[in-house]
Amino acid sequence: MSKLWPSAAEALRETVTDGATIAVGGFGLSGNPTDLIEALRDSGATGLTIVSNNMGVDGKGLGILLENHQVAKVIASYVGENKLFAQQYLDGELEVEFTPQGTLAERLRAGGAGIAGFYTKTGVGTPVAEGKPHAEFDGEIYLLERGIVADVALVHAYRADSEGNLVFRHTARNFNPLVATAGRLTIVEAEEVADGWLDPNAIVTPGIFVQRLVQATTRTKDIEQRTTRPRPAAA
């Protein structure tokens, strides 16, 4: 049976409840599951915990959920591009759990692999370690980090087949494969959905991790900061 759904809105309908934990792929605005993020906004669900490398920028990516006041907590490694994020945090509207980027990636991977927790040296002696168990291994101190399992995972892929096998493209690969494994329910938007099967040797995320799939809307890819320089005058 195909996992393909008619639209992002239908794939997401009745899957997200108030207070749910949602893991979202992407890095900046690269590899964002934009259709699914918009469907999440339109669902009206509130009190959400969002697990993502960052929260997009003002008005784009996950930033649209902040505009709609749907987010209660963010677990992320970087938030410097979003003024509204900073304002909601300072106003006490938003709880933030900062996690080093590599640790965040490993927490998602661990959750997807059924690993409850792991020890790492990253963050020892910093505010990141406060309240977390510590242990000594080979004469060095490590802290315990918990794996992350989300209620719903939202993923952007480059290509997919109808069984949810996935291939990612360039930088858009970023956190998406990790997020895909960490959801109790994983929903994927793909730029291309193959008529047949993807080459097994090229698959990055096997379809066993994917429950629902939609064709992504064709749109212009946003760039966070476009830096240009004047074109030299012709000689």
Protein backbone atom coordinates (compact mmCIF):
# COMPACT_ATOMS: atom_id res chain seq x y z
CA MET A 1 0.00 0.00 0.00
CA SER A 2 1.34 3.42 -0.96
CA LYS A 3 2.24 5.84 1.82
CA LEU A 4 1.52 8.79 -0.49
CA TRP A 5 -1.07 11.32 0.74
CA PRO A 6 -2.83 13.97 -1.38
CA SER A 7 -1.46 17.00 0.51
CA ALA A 8 0.54 18.12 3.51
CA ALA A 9 -2.62 19.31 5.24
CA GLU A 10 -4.29 15.91 4.90
CA ALA A 11 -1.17 14.01 5.94
CA LEU A 12 -0.90 16.11 9.09
CA ARG A 13 -4.59 16.25 9.95
CA GLU A 14 -5.49 14.78 13.36
CA THR A 15 -1.88 13.77 14.04
CA VAL A 16 -0.78 16.75 16.16
CA THR A 17 -2.37 17.60 19.50
CA ASP A 18 -1.75 20.55 21.81
CA GLY A 19 1.48 20.07 23.76
CA ALA A 20 2.99 17.62 21.24
CA THR A 21 6.74 17.32 20.61
CA ILE A 22 7.59 17.88 16.94
CA ALA A 23 11.05 17.20 15.45
CA VAL A 24 11.71 19.16 12.26
CA GLY A 25 14.49 18.74 9.71
CA GLY A 26 16.44 21.62 8.23
CA PHE A 27 19.39 23.86 8.91
CA GLY A 28 18.64 27.56 8.65
CA LEU A 29 16.26 27.60 5.69
CA SER A 30 18.01 24.72 3.90
CA GLY A 31 16.06 21.48 3.82
CA ASN A 32 13.02 22.85 5.63
CA PRO A 33 9.81 20.81 5.15
CA THR A 34 8.02 24.04 4.29
CA ASP A 35 4.69 22.54 3.19
CA LEU A 36 4.48 20.51 6.40
CA ILE A 37 5.46 23.49 8.56
CA GLU A 38 2.67 25.53 6.96
CA ALA A 39 0.23 22.66 7.53
CA LEU A 40 1.34 22.54 11.17
CA ARG A 41 0.65 26.26 11.47
CA ASP A 42 -2.77 25.81 9.92
CA SER A 43 -3.59 22.95 12.31
CA GLY A 44 -3.84 25.49 15.11
CA ALA A 45 -2.12 23.19 17.62
CA THR A 46 -0.57 25.12 20.52
CA GLY A 47 1.86 24.54 23.38
CA LEU A 48 4.20 22.71 21.02
CA THR A 49 7.75 21.64 21.79
CA ILE A 50 9.83 22.04 18.62
CA VAL A 51 13.08 20.09 18.23
CA SER A 52 15.17 21.53 15.41
CA ASN A 53 18.64 22.88 14.80
CA ASN A 54 17.17 26.39 14.72
CA MET A 55 13.84 28.20 14.31
CA GLY A 56 14.26 29.64 10.85
CA VAL A 57 14.08 33.41 10.45
CA ASP A 58 11.35 35.95 11.03
CA GLY A 59 8.43 35.05 8.78
CA LYS A 60 10.06 32.01 7.19
CA GLY A 61 10.63 28.39 8.11
CA LEU A 62 9.69 27.59 11.69
CA GLY A 63 9.49 31.33 12.33
CA ILE A 64 5.86 31.23 11.16
CA LEU A 65 4.94 29.06 14.15
CA LEU A 66 6.39 31.67 16.50
CA GLU A 67 4.35 34.35 14.76
CA ASN A 68 1.24 32.28 15.41
CA HIS A 69 2.19 31.78 19.09
CA GLN A 70 2.00 27.99 18.79
CA VAL A 71 5.36 27.15 20.39
CA ALA A 72 5.91 26.77 24.13
CA LYS A 73 9.39 25.24 24.12
CA VAL A 74 12.30 24.96 21.70
CA ILE A 75 15.17 22.45 21.82
CA ALA A 76 17.78 23.85 19.44
CA SER A 77 21.46 24.64 18.98
CA TYR A 78 21.23 28.05 17.28
CA VAL A 79 18.63 30.82 17.28
CA GLY A 80 20.50 33.96 16.21
CA GLU A 81 18.55 34.76 13.03
CA ASN A 82 15.12 35.26 14.60
CA LYS A 83 14.26 38.50 16.43
CA LEU A 84 10.78 37.30 17.37
CA PHE A 85 12.31 34.22 18.98
CA ALA A 86 14.51 36.43 21.16
CA GLN A 87 11.58 38.65 22.10
CA GLN A 88 9.32 35.77 23.10
CA TYR A 89 12.14 34.26 25.15
CA LEU A 90 12.82 37.54 26.97
CA ASP A 91 9.09 38.00 27.59
CA GLY A 92 8.90 34.58 29.24
CA GLU A 93 6.56 33.22 26.57
CA LEU A 94 9.08 30.70 25.25
CA GLU A 95 11.15 28.09 27.08
CA VAL A 96 14.50 27.34 25.45
CA GLU A 97 16.73 24.30 25.91
CA PHE A 98 20.04 24.97 24.20
CA THR A 99 21.91 21.87 23.06
CA PRO A 100 25.31 21.76 21.33
CA GLN A 101 24.81 21.00 17.67
CA GLY A 102 26.61 17.65 17.66
CA THR A 103 24.84 16.64 20.85
CA LEU A 104 21.47 17.51 19.32
CA ALA A 105 22.25 15.38 16.30
CA GLU A 106 23.28 12.47 18.51
CA ARG A 107 20.20 12.85 20.75
CA LEU A 108 17.99 12.48 17.66
CA ARG A 109 20.05 9.55 16.35
CA ALA A 110 19.90 7.86 19.74
CA GLY A 111 16.15 8.32 19.98
CA GLY A 112 15.72 6.79 16.55
CA ALA A 113 17.96 3.85 17.48
CA GLY A 114 16.12 3.10 20.72
CA ILE A 115 18.98 4.36 22.90
CA ALA A 116 17.65 6.07 26.02
CA GLY A 117 20.77 8.11 26.72
CA PHE A 118 24.51 8.47 26.20
CA TYR A 119 27.51 10.11 27.86
CA THR A 120 29.47 12.94 26.22
CA LYS A 121 32.21 15.36 27.28
CA THR A 122 30.60 18.19 25.33
CA GLY A 123 29.15 20.76 27.70
CA VAL A 124 30.87 19.59 30.86
CA GLY A 125 31.54 22.58 33.11
CA THR A 126 29.06 24.82 31.28
CA PRO A 127 25.38 25.71 31.87
CA VAL A 128 24.51 22.90 29.42
CA ALA A 129 25.54 20.39 32.11
CA GLU A 130 23.45 21.83 34.94
CA GLY A 131 21.13 19.26 36.50
CA LYS A 132 22.41 16.38 34.37
CA PRO A 133 24.04 13.24 35.80
CA HIS A 134 27.83 13.04 35.49
CA ALA A 135 30.13 10.03 35.43
CA GLU A 136 33.85 9.40 35.14
CA PHE A 137 35.26 7.24 32.35
CA ASP A 138 39.00 6.65 31.93
CA GLY A 139 39.76 9.56 34.23
CA GLU A 140 37.55 12.09 32.43
CA ILE A 141 34.14 13.51 33.32
CA TYR A 142 31.18 13.01 31.02
CA LEU A 143 27.55 14.12 31.27
CA LEU A 144 24.43 12.14 30.45
CA GLU A 145 22.27 13.30 27.55
CA ARG A 146 18.87 11.76 26.78
CA GLY A 147 17.80 10.49 23.39
CA ILE A 148 14.93 12.38 21.74
CA VAL A 149 11.79 10.66 20.50
CA ALA A 150 9.23 13.05 19.02
CA ASP A 151 5.49 12.50 18.70
CA VAL A 152 5.72 13.62 15.06
CA ALA A 153 8.74 14.14 12.79
CA LEU A 154 8.56 16.45 9.75
CA VAL A 155 11.13 15.81 7.01
CA HIS A 156 12.12 17.24 3.63
CA ALA A 157 13.66 14.88 1.06
CA TYR A 158 14.83 15.30 -2.51
CA ARG A 159 13.49 12.01 -3.88
CA ALA A 160 11.24 9.30 -2.51
CA ASP A 161 9.36 6.27 -3.74
CA SER A 162 5.82 5.35 -2.72
CA GLU A 163 7.11 3.22 0.18
CA GLY A 164 8.91 6.17 1.74
CA ASN A 165 12.50 5.28 0.87
CA LEU A 166 14.37 8.59 0.81
CA VAL A 167 17.30 10.35 -0.85
CA PHE A 168 18.46 13.82 0.20
CA ARG A 169 20.25 16.47 -1.84
CA HIS A 170 23.41 18.35 -0.85
CA THR A 171 23.10 20.63 2.20
CA ALA A 172 19.41 19.82 2.58
CA ARG A 173 20.49 16.46 3.95
CA ASN A 174 21.58 18.14 7.25
CA PHE A 175 19.30 17.03 10.11
CA ASN A 176 16.60 15.41 7.97
CA PRO A 177 17.81 11.76 8.11
CA LEU A 178 18.19 11.97 11.90
CA VAL A 179 14.77 13.54 12.38
CA ALA A 180 13.20 10.90 10.12
CA THR A 181 14.19 8.10 12.51
CA ALA A 182 13.26 9.95 15.72
CA GLY A 183 9.50 10.31 15.23
CA ARG A 184 6.79 7.96 16.42
CA LEU A 185 5.02 9.20 13.29
CA THR A 186 7.23 10.47 10.46
CA ILE A 187 5.76 12.56 7.66
CA VAL A 188 7.91 13.41 4.65
CA GLU A 189 7.56 15.91 1.83
CA ALA A 190 9.64 15.04 -1.23
CA GLU A 191 10.51 17.21 -4.22
CA GLU A 192 10.25 14.17 -6.49
CA VAL A 193 8.23 10.99 -5.98
CA ALA A 194 9.45 8.19 -8.24
CA ASP A 195 7.02 6.06 -10.23
CA GLY A 196 8.97 2.93 -9.36
CA TRP A 197 11.54 2.08 -6.70
CA LEU A 198 14.64 4.00 -5.77
CA ASP A 199 17.99 2.28 -6.26
CA PRO A 200 18.55 0.38 -2.98
CA ASN A 201 22.23 1.37 -3.02
CA ALA A 202 21.33 5.09 -3.09
CA ILE A 203 18.75 5.10 -0.29
CA VAL A 204 19.70 7.17 2.76
CA THR A 205 16.61 6.64 4.92
CA PRO A 206 14.73 3.32 4.51
CA GLY A 207 10.97 3.53 4.20
CA ILE A 208 10.48 1.54 7.42
CA PHE A 209 10.98 4.84 9.26
CA VAL A 210 8.36 6.71 7.20
CA GLN A 211 4.61 6.47 7.68
CA ARG A 212 3.30 9.26 5.41
CA LEU A 213 4.59 10.95 2.29
CA VAL A 214 3.49 13.98 0.23
CA GLN A 215 4.65 15.62 -2.98
CA ALA A 216 6.29 18.93 -2.06
CA THR A 217 5.05 22.12 -3.64
CA THR A 218 7.43 23.64 -6.18
CA ARG A 219 8.66 26.92 -4.74
CA THR A 220 11.62 29.28 -4.76
CA LYS A 221 14.22 28.21 -2.21
CA ASP A 222 14.71 30.94 0.39
CA ILE A 223 18.19 32.14 1.37
CA GLU A 224 18.76 33.46 4.89
CA GLN A 225 21.40 36.04 4.03
CA ARG A 226 22.24 36.89 0.44
CA THR A 227 25.69 38.45 0.16
CA THR A 228 26.75 39.93 -3.18
CA ARG A 229 29.50 42.16 -4.46
CA PRO A 230 29.49 44.64 -7.35
CA ARG A 231 30.25 43.16 -10.74
CA PRO A 232 33.60 44.49 -12.05
CA ALA A 233 33.27 46.92 -14.93
CA ALA A 234 34.20 45.52 -18.35
CA ALA A 235 37.72 46.35 -19.42
